Amino acid sequence: MLDPRLIASQPEVVRASLIRRHASEQSLSDLDRLTAMIERRRELQTETDNLRGERNRASKEIGLLFRNGKREEANARREEAGRFGERLDILEGELKMLVEQEAELTLGLPNTIDDRVPDGKGDEENVEIHRWGTPREMDFEAKDHHDVGVSLGIIDFSRAAKLAGSRFSVLRGPAARLERALINLFVDKAVEAGYQELMVPYLVNRESITGTGQLPKFEDDLFRIAGQVNGSDAFLIPTAEVPVTALHQGEILTAEELPLRYAAFTPCFRAEAGSYGRDTRGLIRQHQFHKVELVHLTTAEQSEGEHERLVRHAETLLELLELPYRRMLLCGGDIGFGAQLCYDLEVWLPGQSTYREISSCSNCGDFQARRLKLRYRPEGGGKPKFCHTLNGSGLAVGRTLLAILENYQQADGSVVVPDALRPYMGLDRIAALK
């Protein structure tokens, strides 16, 4: 959530950020409505404060007049005070409605973006920062992961469709082992790097998922549970970012505790409402998938350095698996709702002859912390400040699996297991199931 003081005092800053995001006309209109509401609320607040003062003074005068036997004057003053009360009731009703509407519109505004975010309307205008690794030269025509997995009999899309419909898969034998091996590798490496491992709920309440920015704007992309859970609306998590970032909601931490670095493996569930017709083939865009998520909670001063640390950790995993990748700085039109600065790591997929996102590493500043009321007390005391929150995949497991299938495929159809995974897999090559 944006700082309400920023919206009120510098709406032009918010507008400029929305324009750089290529926000819709509706978003710009909402900002205009919001600033008008803030001005009207301030006027109402002043008027109601004045009316309360008038009513209180009238009450004291009425009592004094009655005590002095001036009943007629007292009754006239009482009638006047009653009109103050009636007017006050009307204004307080309008004020309450404005406060609710302000809150709703404020929750719908995205984060302001960092000055370093490049201009651009879409992903084709993201800026490449660097590349690592050289795509392998193959003396045969590379298949995409769908064809590799199906031909080996280790990925079953047709039977998954019988179970749950499109955008689901069943992993068989060595593919299931590969998925599990990647999960264990990623979690182990995170723990070695100083992250605290968490196991978190896969269902969260409306408050938590609103706090991290998925609601109210992206409800169509979420799976909501039909019945309430513990008296609240409940949602399947779209990413572990939600429960891990919300873990300390409503708390005041100490500066000495920060930064906190968490890693959590979870399944993730996304309706993909806005991606109709995109990536329907294979594992790229599934309704259910696995991720190891990295979350940092920091002070403002630590934020930038921790962002680089998070991104670099994700990169080391790709390097460990010897998967060529590139780091991209996302432009204004492609950056996520809650992020002020974001790097995507894109892995090379020879079967598609392109790079595809495998980790998105965002610095959200205090945007999520404001929504979550997540603060820390500075060293030496003083007024609590909002934390900064950062998150990124370390890594998306399914996308890493498909990258391995494509990059390590052989002419005979088999797939070589990367060296780093062999202790977890117990084999060095994936052959066709018999």
Protein backbone atom coordinates (compact mmCIF):
# COMPACT_ATOMS: atom_id res chain seq x y z
CA MET A 1 0.00 0.00 0.00
CA LEU A 2 1.25 3.45 -0.83
CA ASP A 3 1.87 5.95 1.94
CA PRO A 4 -1.41 7.95 2.16
CA ARG A 5 0.67 11.06 2.88
CA LEU A 6 2.43 10.63 -0.48
CA ILE A 7 -0.88 10.34 -2.31
CA ALA A 8 -2.25 13.42 -0.55
CA SER A 9 0.82 15.65 -0.79
CA GLN A 10 2.44 14.47 -4.05
CA PRO A 11 -0.22 12.92 -6.28
CA GLU A 12 1.89 13.93 -9.29
CA VAL A 13 4.59 11.45 -8.15
CA VAL A 14 2.04 8.64 -8.03
CA ARG A 15 0.59 9.68 -11.40
CA ALA A 16 4.06 9.71 -13.01
CA SER A 17 4.70 6.19 -11.73
CA LEU A 18 1.34 4.99 -13.07
CA ILE A 19 2.14 6.48 -16.47
CA ARG A 20 5.55 4.76 -16.49
CA ARG A 21 3.74 1.50 -15.67
CA HIS A 22 1.44 2.10 -18.67
CA ALA A 23 -1.47 1.88 -16.24
CA SER A 24 -5.02 1.93 -17.55
CA GLU A 25 -7.11 5.07 -17.82
CA GLN A 26 -9.23 3.58 -15.04
CA SER A 27 -6.21 3.56 -12.70
CA LEU A 28 -5.46 7.20 -13.49
CA SER A 29 -9.12 8.06 -12.96
CA ASP A 30 -9.08 6.20 -9.64
CA LEU A 31 -6.11 8.30 -8.53
CA ASP A 32 -8.03 11.49 -9.39
CA ARG A 33 -11.06 10.23 -7.45
CA LEU A 34 -8.83 9.30 -4.54
CA THR A 35 -7.15 12.70 -4.30
CA ALA A 36 -10.57 14.38 -4.47
CA MET A 37 -11.82 12.09 -1.70
CA ILE A 38 -8.81 12.91 0.47
CA GLU A 39 -9.49 16.63 0.07
CA ARG A 40 -13.19 16.18 0.82
CA ARG A 41 -12.39 13.99 3.84
CA ARG A 42 -10.09 16.68 5.24
CA GLU A 43 -12.83 19.29 4.80
CA LEU A 44 -15.34 17.01 6.50
CA GLN A 45 -12.93 16.26 9.32
CA THR A 46 -12.47 19.98 9.96
CA GLU A 47 -16.23 20.61 9.84
CA THR A 48 -17.06 17.70 12.15
CA ASP A 49 -14.37 18.78 14.61
CA ASN A 50 -15.82 22.30 14.62
CA LEU A 51 -19.36 20.97 15.07
CA ARG A 52 -18.30 18.77 17.98
CA GLY A 53 -16.70 21.80 19.56
CA GLU A 54 -19.87 23.83 19.05
CA ARG A 55 -22.01 21.05 20.50
CA ASN A 56 -19.77 20.68 23.53
CA ARG A 57 -19.82 24.42 24.17
CA ALA A 58 -23.60 24.46 23.75
CA SER A 59 -23.95 21.60 26.24
CA LYS A 60 -21.99 23.52 28.86
CA GLU A 61 -24.02 26.69 28.19
CA ILE A 62 -27.32 24.80 28.47
CA GLY A 63 -26.37 23.43 31.87
CA LEU A 64 -25.33 26.89 33.07
CA LEU A 65 -28.55 28.48 31.78
CA PHE A 66 -30.70 25.88 33.55
CA ARG A 67 -28.79 26.39 36.78
CA ASN A 68 -29.39 30.14 36.50
CA GLY A 69 -33.11 29.60 35.91
CA LYS A 70 -33.06 30.73 32.30
CA ARG A 71 -35.17 27.84 31.07
CA GLU A 72 -36.44 29.50 27.88
CA GLU A 73 -32.93 30.42 26.73
CA ALA A 74 -31.70 26.95 27.71
CA ASN A 75 -34.39 25.23 25.62
CA ALA A 76 -33.60 27.43 22.60
CA ARG A 77 -29.93 26.64 22.97
CA ARG A 78 -30.79 22.93 23.30
CA GLU A 79 -32.77 23.07 20.06
CA GLU A 80 -29.78 24.67 18.33
CA ALA A 81 -27.46 21.99 19.75
CA GLY A 82 -29.83 19.35 18.41
CA ARG A 83 -29.37 20.77 14.92
CA PHE A 84 -25.60 20.51 15.46
CA GLY A 85 -26.09 16.83 16.32
CA GLU A 86 -28.24 16.15 13.27
CA ARG A 87 -25.70 17.80 10.99
CA LEU A 88 -22.90 15.92 12.73
CA ASP A 89 -24.64 12.57 12.13
CA ILE A 90 -24.93 13.34 8.41
CA LEU A 91 -21.29 14.40 8.14
CA GLU A 92 -19.99 11.43 10.13
CA GLY A 93 -21.91 9.06 7.85
CA GLU A 94 -20.34 10.69 4.78
CA LEU A 95 -16.93 10.64 6.46
CA LYS A 96 -17.21 6.92 7.23
CA MET A 97 -18.17 6.17 3.62
CA LEU A 98 -15.24 8.24 2.31
CA VAL A 99 -12.76 6.47 4.59
CA GLU A 100 -13.97 3.08 3.30
CA GLN A 101 -13.81 4.19 -0.34
CA GLU A 102 -10.36 5.69 0.17
CA ALA A 103 -9.08 2.44 1.62
CA GLU A 104 -10.49 0.45 -1.30
CA LEU A 105 -8.98 2.75 -3.93
CA THR A 106 -5.63 2.90 -2.13
CA LEU A 107 -5.41 -0.91 -2.06
CA GLY A 108 -5.94 -0.92 -5.83
CA LEU A 109 -2.96 1.34 -6.56
CA PRO A 110 0.34 -0.38 -7.48
CA ASN A 111 3.68 0.42 -5.91
CA THR A 112 5.63 3.41 -7.18
CA ILE A 113 8.56 2.23 -9.26
CA ASP A 114 12.23 2.92 -8.72
CA ASP A 115 13.99 5.52 -10.89
CA ARG A 116 16.23 2.72 -12.18
CA VAL A 117 13.28 0.93 -13.80
CA PRO A 118 13.64 1.40 -17.59
CA ASP A 119 10.85 2.82 -19.69
CA GLY A 120 8.95 0.29 -21.76
CA LYS A 121 5.50 -1.12 -22.39
CA GLY A 122 6.13 -4.88 -22.31
CA ASP A 123 8.63 -7.69 -21.80
CA GLU A 124 10.30 -7.03 -25.14
CA GLU A 125 11.60 -3.76 -23.65
CA ASN A 126 13.15 -5.27 -20.52
CA VAL A 127 16.88 -4.59 -20.25
CA GLU A 128 19.43 -7.40 -20.21
CA ILE A 129 21.98 -6.96 -17.39
CA HIS A 130 24.19 -9.96 -18.09
CA ARG A 131 24.26 -13.54 -19.36
CA TRP A 132 25.88 -16.65 -17.94
CA GLY A 133 26.73 -19.84 -19.80
CA THR A 134 26.78 -20.75 -23.46
CA PRO A 135 23.83 -22.64 -24.93
CA ARG A 136 24.93 -26.16 -25.84
CA GLU A 137 25.36 -26.95 -29.50
CA MET A 138 23.36 -30.02 -30.46
CA ASP A 139 24.02 -32.12 -33.56
CA PHE A 140 20.36 -33.09 -33.69
CA GLU A 141 17.08 -31.17 -33.67
CA ALA A 142 16.26 -30.20 -30.08
CA LYS A 143 12.81 -31.19 -28.81
CA ASP A 144 10.81 -29.15 -26.35
CA HIS A 145 10.26 -30.60 -22.87
CA HIS A 146 6.74 -31.74 -23.73
CA ASP A 147 7.98 -34.05 -26.46
CA VAL A 148 11.01 -35.19 -24.43
CA GLY A 149 8.88 -36.08 -21.43
CA VAL A 150 6.08 -37.75 -23.35
CA SER A 151 8.45 -39.80 -25.54
CA LEU A 152 10.26 -41.07 -22.42
CA GLY A 153 6.92 -41.86 -20.77
CA ILE A 154 7.82 -39.75 -17.71
CA ILE A 155 5.24 -36.95 -18.12
CA ASP A 156 1.57 -37.78 -18.61
CA PHE A 157 -0.64 -34.89 -19.66
CA SER A 158 -3.58 -36.88 -21.03
CA ARG A 159 -4.28 -38.76 -17.80
CA ALA A 160 -3.80 -35.57 -15.78
CA ALA A 161 -6.50 -33.99 -17.95
CA LYS A 162 -8.86 -36.84 -17.00
CA LEU A 163 -8.20 -36.07 -13.35
CA ALA A 164 -8.39 -32.27 -13.36
CA GLY A 165 -8.59 -30.87 -16.90
CA SER A 166 -6.03 -28.80 -18.78
CA ARG A 167 -2.88 -27.22 -17.31
CA PHE A 168 -2.11 -30.18 -15.05
CA SER A 169 0.44 -32.96 -15.36
CA VAL A 170 1.39 -36.29 -13.83
CA LEU A 171 5.13 -36.96 -13.38
CA ARG A 172 6.17 -40.61 -13.53
CA GLY A 173 9.20 -42.48 -12.24
CA PRO A 174 12.42 -40.52 -12.83
CA ALA A 175 10.53 -37.29 -13.57
CA ALA A 176 8.90 -37.45 -10.13
CA ARG A 177 12.33 -38.21 -8.62
CA LEU A 178 13.83 -35.28 -10.51
CA GLU A 179 11.16 -32.93 -9.17
CA ARG A 180 11.81 -34.14 -5.61
CA ALA A 181 15.58 -33.91 -6.11
CA LEU A 182 15.31 -30.29 -7.25
CA ILE A 183 13.19 -29.40 -4.22
CA ASN A 184 15.73 -30.94 -1.86
CA LEU A 185 18.69 -29.33 -3.64
CA PHE A 186 17.13 -25.87 -3.56
CA VAL A 187 16.13 -26.08 0.09
CA ASP A 188 19.52 -27.50 1.12
CA LYS A 189 21.38 -24.74 -0.71
CA ALA A 190 19.16 -22.08 0.84
CA VAL A 191 19.85 -23.40 4.33
CA GLU A 192 23.59 -23.50 3.58
CA ALA A 193 23.34 -19.85 2.51
CA GLY A 194 21.82 -18.82 5.83
CA TYR A 195 18.10 -18.97 5.09
CA GLN A 196 15.77 -20.34 7.75
CA GLU A 197 13.61 -23.11 6.30
CA LEU A 198 9.86 -22.85 6.87
CA MET A 199 6.91 -25.14 6.25
CA VAL A 200 3.81 -22.98 5.99
CA PRO A 201 0.05 -23.38 5.43
CA TYR A 202 -1.08 -23.76 1.84
CA LEU A 203 -4.36 -22.01 2.70
CA VAL A 204 -4.37 -18.39 3.84
CA ASN A 205 -7.08 -15.98 4.94
CA ARG A 206 -8.24 -12.88 3.13
CA GLU A 207 -6.29 -10.56 5.43
CA SER A 208 -2.95 -12.21 4.66
CA ILE A 209 -3.41 -12.37 0.90
CA THR A 210 -4.65 -8.77 0.82
CA GLY A 211 -1.61 -7.76 2.84
CA THR A 212 0.80 -9.13 0.24
CA GLY A 213 -1.02 -7.40 -2.62
CA GLN A 214 -2.88 -10.20 -4.44
CA LEU A 215 -6.24 -8.81 -3.31
CA PRO A 216 -8.36 -7.05 -4.24
CA LYS A 217 -6.89 -6.60 -7.73
CA PHE A 218 -6.03 -10.21 -8.66
CA GLU A 219 -8.83 -12.25 -7.14
CA ASP A 220 -9.67 -13.82 -10.52
CA ASP A 221 -6.19 -15.40 -10.60
CA LEU A 222 -6.69 -17.10 -7.22
CA PHE A 223 -8.45 -20.28 -6.16
CA ARG A 224 -10.89 -19.43 -3.39
CA ILE A 225 -12.23 -22.15 -1.11
CA ALA A 226 -16.01 -22.48 -1.29
CA GLY A 227 -16.53 -22.62 2.47
CA GLN A 228 -14.94 -20.45 5.11
CA VAL A 229 -11.96 -21.69 7.12
CA ASN A 230 -11.93 -20.67 10.78
CA GLY A 231 -14.53 -18.02 10.05
CA SER A 232 -12.66 -16.37 7.17
CA ASP A 233 -12.55 -16.53 3.40
CA ALA A 234 -9.63 -18.78 2.46
CA PHE A 235 -7.49 -19.06 -0.66
CA LEU A 236 -4.99 -21.59 -1.97
CA ILE A 237 -1.62 -19.85 -2.04
CA PRO A 238 -0.38 -18.64 -5.46
CA THR A 239 3.17 -18.64 -4.03
CA ALA A 240 4.87 -19.10 -0.65
CA GLU A 241 5.55 -15.36 -0.80
CA VAL A 242 2.08 -14.89 0.71
CA PRO A 243 2.30 -16.91 3.96
CA VAL A 244 6.02 -16.23 4.48
CA THR A 245 5.82 -12.44 3.98
CA ALA A 246 2.66 -12.30 6.11
CA LEU A 247 4.24 -14.41 8.87
CA HIS A 248 5.04 -11.34 11.00
CA GLN A 249 2.01 -9.22 10.07
CA GLY A 250 0.95 -6.85 12.83
CA GLU A 251 4.28 -7.22 14.64
CA ILE A 252 6.97 -4.74 15.63
CA LEU A 253 10.36 -6.38 15.18
CA THR A 254 13.68 -4.97 16.34
CA ALA A 255 16.35 -3.63 14.01
CA GLU A 256 18.75 -6.15 15.54
CA GLU A 257 16.58 -9.02 14.25
CA LEU A 258 16.81 -7.83 10.65
CA PRO A 259 17.38 -8.93 8.02
CA LEU A 260 15.28 -12.09 8.31
CA ARG A 261 15.81 -14.50 5.42
CA TYR A 262 13.32 -17.32 4.91
CA ALA A 263 13.07 -20.18 2.40
CA ALA A 264 9.95 -22.27 1.95
CA PHE A 265 8.98 -25.06 -0.40
CA THR A 266 5.27 -25.15 -1.28
CA PRO A 267 2.93 -26.16 -4.03
CA CYS A 268 1.45 -23.09 -5.73
CA PHE A 269 -2.02 -22.73 -7.22
CA ARG A 270 -2.96 -20.20 -9.89
CA ALA A 271 -6.12 -19.87 -11.95
CA GLU A 272 -4.15 -18.18 -14.78
CA ALA A 273 -7.31 -16.24 -15.61
CA GLY A 274 -5.42 -13.68 -17.65
CA SER A 275 -3.39 -16.17 -19.70
CA TYR A 276 -6.07 -17.83 -21.83
CA GLY A 277 -4.44 -19.48 -24.82
CA ARG A 278 -0.86 -18.82 -23.61
CA ASP A 279 1.61 -21.64 -22.96
CA THR A 280 -1.07 -24.33 -23.06
CA ARG A 281 1.50 -26.94 -24.10
CA GLY A 282 3.77 -28.46 -21.48
CA LEU A 283 4.76 -27.33 -18.00
CA ILE A 284 5.33 -23.61 -18.46
CA ARG A 285 1.99 -22.35 -17.12
CA GLN A 286 0.25 -24.85 -14.85
CA HIS A 287 -2.59 -24.43 -12.36
CA GLN A 288 -0.51 -26.35 -9.79
CA PHE A 289 3.27 -26.27 -9.55
CA HIS A 290 6.11 -26.31 -7.02
CA LYS A 291 8.48 -23.54 -5.95
CA VAL A 292 11.11 -22.85 -3.35
CA GLU A 293 10.49 -19.23 -2.41
CA LEU A 294 12.99 -16.84 -0.85
CA VAL A 295 11.72 -13.95 1.31
CA HIS A 296 13.78 -11.24 2.99
CA LEU A 297 12.44 -8.83 5.64
CA THR A 298 14.80 -5.89 6.04
CA THR A 299 15.27 -2.28 7.08
CA ALA A 300 15.20 0.41 4.39
CA GLU A 301 18.99 0.70 4.61
CA GLN A 302 19.51 -3.05 4.07
CA SER A 303 17.00 -3.36 1.26
CA GLU A 304 19.14 -2.77 -1.82
CA GLY A 305 22.00 -5.01 -0.69
CA GLU A 306 19.59 -7.79 0.29
CA HIS A 307 17.94 -7.60 -3.12
CA GLU A 308 21.27 -8.24 -4.82
CA ARG A 309 21.98 -11.08 -2.38
CA LEU A 310 18.63 -12.73 -3.16
CA VAL A 311 19.09 -12.47 -6.93
CA ARG A 312 22.64 -13.76 -6.72
CA HIS A 313 21.55 -16.80 -4.70
CA ALA A 314 19.01 -17.75 -7.38
CA GLU A 315 21.69 -17.31 -10.04
CA THR A 316 24.09 -19.66 -8.23
CA LEU A 317 21.47 -22.42 -8.42
CA LEU A 318 21.29 -22.10 -12.21
CA GLU A 319 25.07 -22.07 -12.41
CA LEU A 320 25.26 -25.16 -10.18
CA LEU A 321 22.96 -26.94 -12.62
CA GLU A 322 24.93 -25.50 -15.57
CA LEU A 323 21.84 -23.98 -17.14
CA PRO A 324 22.53 -20.90 -19.30
CA TYR A 325 20.54 -17.88 -18.17
CA ARG A 326 20.30 -14.12 -18.40
CA ARG A 327 19.36 -11.47 -15.84
CA MET A 328 16.75 -8.95 -17.01
CA LEU A 329 15.76 -5.64 -15.41
CA LEU A 330 12.01 -5.33 -15.87
CA CYS A 331 10.64 -2.20 -17.52
CA GLY A 332 7.75 -0.09 -16.24
CA GLY A 333 5.13 -1.86 -18.32
CA ASP A 334 6.18 -5.35 -17.22
CA ILE A 335 7.00 -4.97 -13.53
CA GLY A 336 4.68 -6.56 -10.99
CA PHE A 337 1.98 -4.75 -9.00
CA GLY A 338 3.83 -4.78 -5.67
CA ALA A 339 7.41 -4.35 -6.89
CA GLN A 340 9.39 -1.14 -7.07
CA LEU A 341 12.37 -2.87 -8.74
CA CYS A 342 12.48 -6.37 -10.20
CA TYR A 343 14.97 -8.65 -11.93
CA ASP A 344 13.84 -11.71 -13.86
CA LEU A 345 16.19 -14.63 -14.38
CA GLU A 346 15.47 -16.30 -17.70
CA VAL A 347 16.77 -19.78 -18.50
CA TRP A 348 17.72 -20.91 -22.01
CA LEU A 349 15.33 -23.47 -23.53
CA PRO A 350 16.83 -25.04 -26.68
CA GLY A 351 13.56 -26.75 -27.60
CA GLN A 352 11.97 -23.32 -27.93
CA SER A 353 15.15 -21.45 -28.96
CA THR A 354 14.45 -18.75 -26.41
CA TYR A 355 14.95 -17.67 -22.80
CA ARG A 356 12.01 -18.03 -20.38
CA GLU A 357 11.50 -16.72 -16.88
CA ILE A 358 12.50 -19.09 -14.08
CA SER A 359 12.75 -16.63 -11.17
CA SER A 360 11.35 -13.18 -10.56
CA CYS A 361 13.16 -11.30 -7.77
CA SER A 362 11.32 -8.26 -6.46
CA ASN A 363 12.10 -5.50 -4.02
CA CYS A 364 8.73 -4.26 -2.77
CA GLY A 365 10.07 -1.54 -0.47
CA ASP A 366 7.56 -0.86 2.33
CA PHE A 367 4.55 -1.47 0.04
CA GLN A 368 3.56 -4.86 1.48
CA ALA A 369 4.67 -3.98 5.01
CA ARG A 370 2.22 -1.06 5.14
CA ARG A 371 -0.62 -3.38 4.19
CA LEU A 372 0.55 -5.96 6.73
CA LYS A 373 1.34 -3.43 9.48
CA LEU A 374 4.80 -5.01 9.67
CA ARG A 375 7.26 -2.69 11.41
CA TYR A 376 10.55 -2.62 13.26
CA ARG A 377 11.93 -0.43 16.01
CA PRO A 378 15.19 1.31 15.03
CA GLU A 379 18.37 0.77 17.01
CA GLY A 380 18.43 3.05 20.02
CA GLY A 381 14.63 3.23 20.08
CA GLY A 382 12.38 5.74 18.43
CA LYS A 383 9.18 5.52 16.42
CA PRO A 384 8.65 2.17 14.65
CA LYS A 385 9.29 2.14 10.90
CA PHE A 386 7.87 -0.07 8.18
CA CYS A 387 10.02 -3.00 7.08
CA HIS A 388 11.02 -3.59 3.47
CA THR A 389 10.03 -6.94 1.93
CA LEU A 390 11.76 -8.81 -0.90
CA ASN A 391 10.93 -12.08 -2.59
CA GLY A 392 12.02 -14.35 -5.42
CA SER A 393 11.96 -17.95 -6.57
CA GLY A 394 14.94 -20.01 -5.63
CA LEU A 395 13.85 -21.63 -7.98
CA ALA A 396 10.57 -22.49 -9.72
CA VAL A 397 10.87 -26.28 -9.60
CA GLY A 398 8.76 -27.28 -12.59
CA ARG A 399 10.43 -24.77 -14.87
CA THR A 400 13.85 -26.00 -13.74
CA LEU A 401 12.79 -29.57 -14.50
CA LEU A 402 11.70 -28.65 -18.01
CA ALA A 403 14.92 -26.68 -18.54
CA ILE A 404 16.92 -29.78 -17.60
CA LEU A 405 14.90 -31.96 -19.98
CA GLU A 406 15.58 -29.57 -22.85
CA ASN A 407 19.21 -28.66 -22.11
CA TYR A 408 20.38 -32.17 -21.17
CA GLN A 409 18.50 -34.16 -23.84
CA GLN A 410 20.54 -36.56 -25.95
CA ALA A 411 20.26 -37.73 -29.55
CA ASP A 412 18.88 -41.12 -28.42
CA GLY A 413 16.06 -39.40 -26.50
CA SER A 414 17.52 -39.93 -23.04
CA VAL A 415 18.33 -37.11 -20.62
CA VAL A 416 21.60 -36.77 -18.71
CA VAL A 417 21.18 -35.89 -15.02
CA PRO A 418 23.22 -32.80 -13.99
CA ASP A 419 26.12 -33.61 -11.67
CA ALA A 420 24.65 -31.61 -8.78
CA LEU A 421 21.50 -33.75 -8.79
CA ARG A 422 23.07 -37.20 -9.02
CA PRO A 423 23.47 -37.67 -5.24
CA TYR A 424 19.76 -36.86 -4.88
CA MET A 425 18.63 -38.93 -7.87
CA GLY A 426 20.83 -42.00 -7.55
CA LEU A 427 21.22 -42.19 -11.34
CA ASP A 428 23.08 -40.30 -14.03
CA ARG A 429 20.69 -40.69 -16.96
CA ILE A 430 16.94 -40.78 -17.53
CA ALA A 431 15.91 -43.38 -20.09
CA ALA A 432 12.50 -44.32 -21.46
CA LEU A 433 10.20 -46.14 -19.06
CA LYS A 434 9.50 -49.72 -20.03
